[in-house]
Amino acid sequence: MRRLLPFLIATLTTTVFAQVESKTNPSDFVPKGYVIFDRINGDLNKDGIEDCVLIIKGTEKSNIITDEYRGKLDQNRRGIIVLFSRNNQYELAIKNYDCFSSENEDGGIYFPPELSLDIKNGNLYVHYTHGRYGYWTYTFRFQNGDFELIGYDQSDHSGQVVNREISINFLSKKKQKKENINEEAEGDDEVFKETWHSITVNRRIKVSEIKDFDGLDMSVY
């Protein structure tokens, strides 16, 4: 047993350090078959140092199509890589290579929503804008080894008129709903009826586990 002990300690130590992937350049984390679609920087773990978030996009040729009306479209899906900055290097925090649809997805009679990411107050915001129809935003915070969903905000519009707003706080487990009751509203003159509900959160949604952001159903809360 004494002979085995040093070997076990060395094995465990190697295993722990192997879990932390560290590289000099963010682009070194991009897997084969993907390219960088977008990049943002900001402090995500509140250590005062700017971290890095990459949006990556697949390059599979079979997903590049020619649409009858829109021409050549790259419908490869997109993903996310979050890197923490430590000691002049980057460490992999989380990755999810295919959680976002293509920017050229088929929106039917509507244009597809526009995806953007932001970092503010240590939180990661995944924001979708849908033109005159409104927007929705997912708020994630790094905790328990992943970026967990702590908030959701949605605003439904008809042009300049806000029809409904929803805000969910997954930490306090409360949901706020505001509905415009002024049927003659033209914009900035809405009258909102506000209601609050308690929600049940059985398990936190994590960025690394999301198969498709388009499939997230916030109406269950």
Protein backbone atom coordinates (compact mmCIF):
# COMPACT_ATOMS: atom_id res chain seq x y z
CA MET A 1 0.00 0.00 0.00
CA ARG A 2 2.88 2.40 0.84
CA ARG A 3 4.37 1.79 -2.61
CA LEU A 4 1.05 2.55 -4.25
CA LEU A 5 0.41 5.77 -2.31
CA PRO A 6 2.85 8.04 -4.23
CA PHE A 7 1.49 6.66 -7.51
CA LEU A 8 -2.11 7.38 -6.49
CA ILE A 9 -1.26 10.91 -5.38
CA ALA A 10 0.55 11.61 -8.65
CA THR A 11 -2.35 10.19 -10.66
CA LEU A 12 -4.94 12.27 -8.81
CA THR A 13 -2.82 15.43 -9.14
CA THR A 14 -2.40 14.85 -12.89
CA THR A 15 -6.13 14.27 -13.28
CA VAL A 16 -7.04 17.51 -11.49
CA PHE A 17 -4.67 19.65 -13.55
CA ALA A 18 -5.67 17.95 -16.80
CA GLN A 19 -9.18 19.30 -16.34
CA VAL A 20 -7.96 22.91 -16.66
CA GLU A 21 -7.14 23.68 -20.29
CA SER A 22 -4.84 26.70 -20.50
CA LYS A 23 -3.56 28.44 -23.66
CA THR A 24 -2.09 31.78 -24.68
CA ASN A 25 -4.45 32.80 -27.46
CA PRO A 26 -8.26 32.51 -27.40
CA SER A 27 -8.23 31.29 -31.00
CA ASP A 28 -6.31 28.21 -29.86
CA PHE A 29 -9.51 26.96 -28.19
CA VAL A 30 -11.49 26.95 -31.45
CA PRO A 31 -12.00 23.31 -32.52
CA LYS A 32 -11.34 22.03 -36.01
CA GLY A 33 -14.23 22.72 -38.34
CA TYR A 34 -15.16 26.03 -36.67
CA VAL A 35 -14.23 29.69 -37.05
CA ILE A 36 -14.63 32.70 -34.74
CA PHE A 37 -17.90 34.47 -35.52
CA ASP A 38 -17.71 37.11 -32.78
CA ARG A 39 -15.75 37.94 -29.64
CA ILE A 40 -16.48 40.02 -26.54
CA ASN A 41 -14.38 40.75 -23.47
CA GLY A 42 -15.31 41.53 -19.87
CA ASP A 43 -14.87 40.40 -16.29
CA LEU A 44 -17.01 37.31 -15.67
CA ASN A 45 -15.58 36.07 -12.37
CA LYS A 46 -15.15 39.43 -10.61
CA ASP A 47 -11.38 39.26 -10.30
CA GLY A 48 -10.85 42.60 -12.05
CA ILE A 49 -9.39 40.97 -15.17
CA GLU A 50 -11.11 40.88 -18.54
CA ASP A 51 -12.17 37.43 -19.66
CA CYS A 52 -13.07 36.35 -23.18
CA VAL A 53 -16.20 34.95 -24.80
CA LEU A 54 -16.05 33.52 -28.30
CA ILE A 55 -19.00 32.85 -30.55
CA ILE A 56 -17.89 30.18 -32.99
CA LYS A 57 -19.52 28.94 -36.17
CA GLY A 58 -19.32 25.64 -38.01
CA THR A 59 -17.87 25.41 -41.52
CA GLU A 60 -19.58 22.27 -42.83
CA LYS A 61 -20.03 22.77 -46.58
CA SER A 62 -23.25 20.75 -46.68
CA ASN A 63 -24.89 23.44 -44.53
CA ILE A 64 -24.22 26.15 -47.10
CA ILE A 65 -27.29 26.29 -49.30
CA THR A 66 -28.73 28.39 -52.10
CA ASP A 67 -32.13 29.83 -51.32
CA GLU A 68 -34.49 30.70 -54.16
CA TYR A 69 -35.07 34.21 -52.80
CA ARG A 70 -32.15 34.93 -50.47
CA GLY A 71 -29.29 33.47 -52.46
CA LYS A 72 -26.32 31.69 -50.86
CA LEU A 73 -26.83 31.08 -47.15
CA ASP A 74 -24.48 29.65 -44.54
CA GLN A 75 -26.75 27.78 -42.15
CA ASN A 76 -24.06 26.26 -39.97
CA ARG A 77 -24.92 26.50 -36.30
CA ARG A 78 -23.01 28.62 -33.81
CA GLY A 79 -21.63 27.90 -30.36
CA ILE A 80 -19.94 29.54 -27.39
CA ILE A 81 -16.58 29.22 -25.63
CA VAL A 82 -15.99 31.11 -22.36
CA LEU A 83 -12.39 31.67 -21.27
CA PHE A 84 -11.14 33.00 -17.96
CA SER A 85 -7.96 35.08 -18.01
CA ARG A 86 -5.36 34.00 -15.45
CA ASN A 87 -1.60 34.60 -15.29
CA ASN A 88 -1.45 36.02 -18.83
CA GLN A 89 -3.14 32.92 -20.20
CA TYR A 90 -6.69 31.79 -20.87
CA GLU A 91 -8.39 28.89 -19.14
CA LEU A 92 -11.44 27.13 -20.50
CA ALA A 93 -14.48 27.83 -18.32
CA ILE A 94 -17.23 26.22 -20.42
CA LYS A 95 -17.92 25.30 -24.03
CA ASN A 96 -20.98 24.46 -26.10
CA TYR A 97 -20.24 24.20 -29.80
CA ASP A 98 -23.76 24.11 -31.31
CA CYS A 99 -26.27 25.80 -28.98
CA PHE A 100 -27.11 28.74 -31.29
CA SER A 101 -28.85 28.52 -34.64
CA SER A 102 -27.38 30.12 -37.73
CA GLU A 103 -27.84 33.83 -38.31
CA ASN A 104 -29.32 32.72 -41.64
CA GLU A 105 -31.99 30.45 -40.22
CA ASP A 106 -35.36 30.28 -41.94
CA GLY A 107 -37.63 32.66 -40.07
CA GLY A 108 -40.68 31.87 -42.17
CA ILE A 109 -42.61 35.09 -42.84
CA TYR A 110 -40.42 36.91 -40.28
CA PHE A 111 -36.77 37.80 -40.25
CA PRO A 112 -34.81 35.58 -37.81
CA PRO A 113 -33.99 37.23 -34.45
CA GLU A 114 -30.57 38.81 -34.10
CA LEU A 115 -28.25 37.31 -31.48
CA SER A 116 -25.83 39.39 -29.41
CA LEU A 117 -23.87 38.81 -26.20
CA ASP A 118 -22.91 41.23 -23.46
CA ILE A 119 -20.98 41.17 -20.18
CA LYS A 120 -22.12 43.42 -17.36
CA ASN A 121 -21.62 43.31 -13.57
CA GLY A 122 -20.03 39.88 -13.83
CA ASN A 123 -23.01 38.39 -15.68
CA LEU A 124 -23.23 37.02 -19.21
CA TYR A 125 -26.23 38.21 -21.22
CA VAL A 126 -27.54 36.32 -24.25
CA HIS A 127 -29.77 38.81 -26.06
CA TYR A 128 -32.16 38.27 -28.97
CA THR A 129 -33.67 41.23 -30.83
CA HIS A 130 -36.67 40.65 -33.09
CA GLY A 131 -37.13 44.08 -34.64
CA ARG A 132 -40.60 45.54 -34.20
CA TYR A 133 -41.75 42.39 -32.39
CA GLY A 134 -39.60 42.88 -29.29
CA TYR A 135 -36.70 41.11 -27.62
CA TRP A 136 -35.76 38.55 -24.97
CA THR A 137 -32.65 38.18 -22.81
CA TYR A 138 -31.14 35.33 -20.78
CA THR A 139 -28.90 36.30 -17.84
CA PHE A 140 -26.23 33.82 -16.72
CA ARG A 141 -23.83 33.89 -13.77
CA PHE A 142 -20.80 31.67 -13.21
CA GLN A 143 -21.51 29.47 -10.22
CA ASN A 144 -21.22 25.77 -9.40
CA GLY A 145 -18.67 25.33 -12.18
CA ASP A 146 -20.90 26.56 -15.00
CA PHE A 147 -22.85 29.57 -16.22
CA GLU A 148 -26.31 29.11 -14.69
CA LEU A 149 -29.47 30.92 -15.74
CA ILE A 150 -30.41 33.45 -13.06
CA GLY A 151 -32.73 35.74 -15.03
CA TYR A 152 -34.96 36.05 -18.07
CA ASP A 153 -36.56 39.17 -19.56
CA GLN A 154 -38.98 39.38 -22.46
CA SER A 155 -40.73 42.28 -24.16
CA ASP A 156 -43.42 41.69 -26.81
CA HIS A 157 -44.14 44.60 -29.16
CA SER A 158 -46.51 45.57 -31.93
CA GLY A 159 -44.42 48.21 -33.61
CA GLN A 160 -43.89 50.98 -31.05
CA VAL A 161 -46.47 49.58 -28.63
CA VAL A 162 -45.29 47.29 -25.83
CA ASN A 163 -47.95 44.63 -25.34
CA ARG A 164 -46.39 42.60 -22.57
CA GLU A 165 -43.25 42.35 -20.45
CA ILE A 166 -42.08 39.34 -18.47
CA SER A 167 -39.23 39.21 -15.97
CA ILE A 168 -38.17 36.01 -14.17
CA ASN A 169 -35.70 35.95 -11.27
CA PHE A 170 -34.48 32.40 -10.77
CA LEU A 171 -32.67 33.34 -7.55
CA SER A 172 -35.70 34.77 -5.76
CA LYS A 173 -38.00 32.39 -7.69
CA LYS A 174 -40.36 35.21 -8.64
CA LYS A 175 -41.99 36.08 -11.97
CA GLN A 176 -43.27 39.53 -12.88
CA LYS A 177 -45.77 40.00 -15.69
CA LYS A 178 -46.88 43.38 -17.05
CA GLU A 179 -49.65 43.55 -19.67
CA ASN A 180 -50.79 46.64 -21.53
CA ILE A 181 -54.51 47.22 -20.96
CA ASN A 182 -54.73 50.38 -23.07
CA GLU A 183 -56.10 49.07 -26.36
CA GLU A 184 -55.73 52.52 -27.95
CA ALA A 185 -52.04 52.82 -27.11
CA GLU A 186 -49.78 54.19 -29.82
CA GLY A 187 -46.46 53.98 -27.99
CA ASP A 188 -45.24 55.51 -24.69
CA ASP A 189 -48.85 55.68 -23.52
CA GLU A 190 -49.32 52.06 -22.49
CA VAL A 191 -51.10 51.27 -19.22
CA PHE A 192 -49.73 48.15 -17.60
CA LYS A 193 -51.42 45.69 -15.28
CA GLU A 194 -48.73 44.11 -13.09
CA THR A 195 -48.89 40.66 -11.50
CA TRP A 196 -46.38 38.59 -9.54
CA HIS A 197 -46.10 34.80 -9.20
CA SER A 198 -43.84 32.37 -7.39
CA ILE A 199 -42.10 29.82 -9.60
CA THR A 200 -40.64 26.38 -9.03
CA VAL A 201 -37.04 25.79 -10.04
CA ASN A 202 -36.13 22.13 -9.85
CA ARG A 203 -32.82 22.42 -11.66
CA ARG A 204 -30.83 25.39 -12.95
CA ILE A 205 -30.30 25.69 -16.69
CA LYS A 206 -26.59 25.66 -17.58
CA VAL A 207 -25.01 27.07 -20.74
CA SER A 208 -22.85 24.00 -21.32
CA GLU A 209 -25.94 21.75 -21.32
CA ILE A 210 -28.25 23.75 -23.61
CA LYS A 211 -28.82 21.82 -26.83
CA ASP A 212 -30.60 24.68 -28.59
CA PHE A 213 -31.43 28.14 -27.25
CA ASP A 214 -34.40 28.20 -29.61
CA GLY A 215 -35.86 25.27 -27.67
CA LEU A 216 -35.78 26.95 -24.24
CA ASP A 217 -39.37 27.30 -23.02
CA MET A 218 -39.75 29.98 -20.39
CA SER A 219 -43.54 29.63 -20.34
CA VAL A 220 -43.19 26.65 -18.01
CA TYR A 221 -42.27 29.03 -15.16
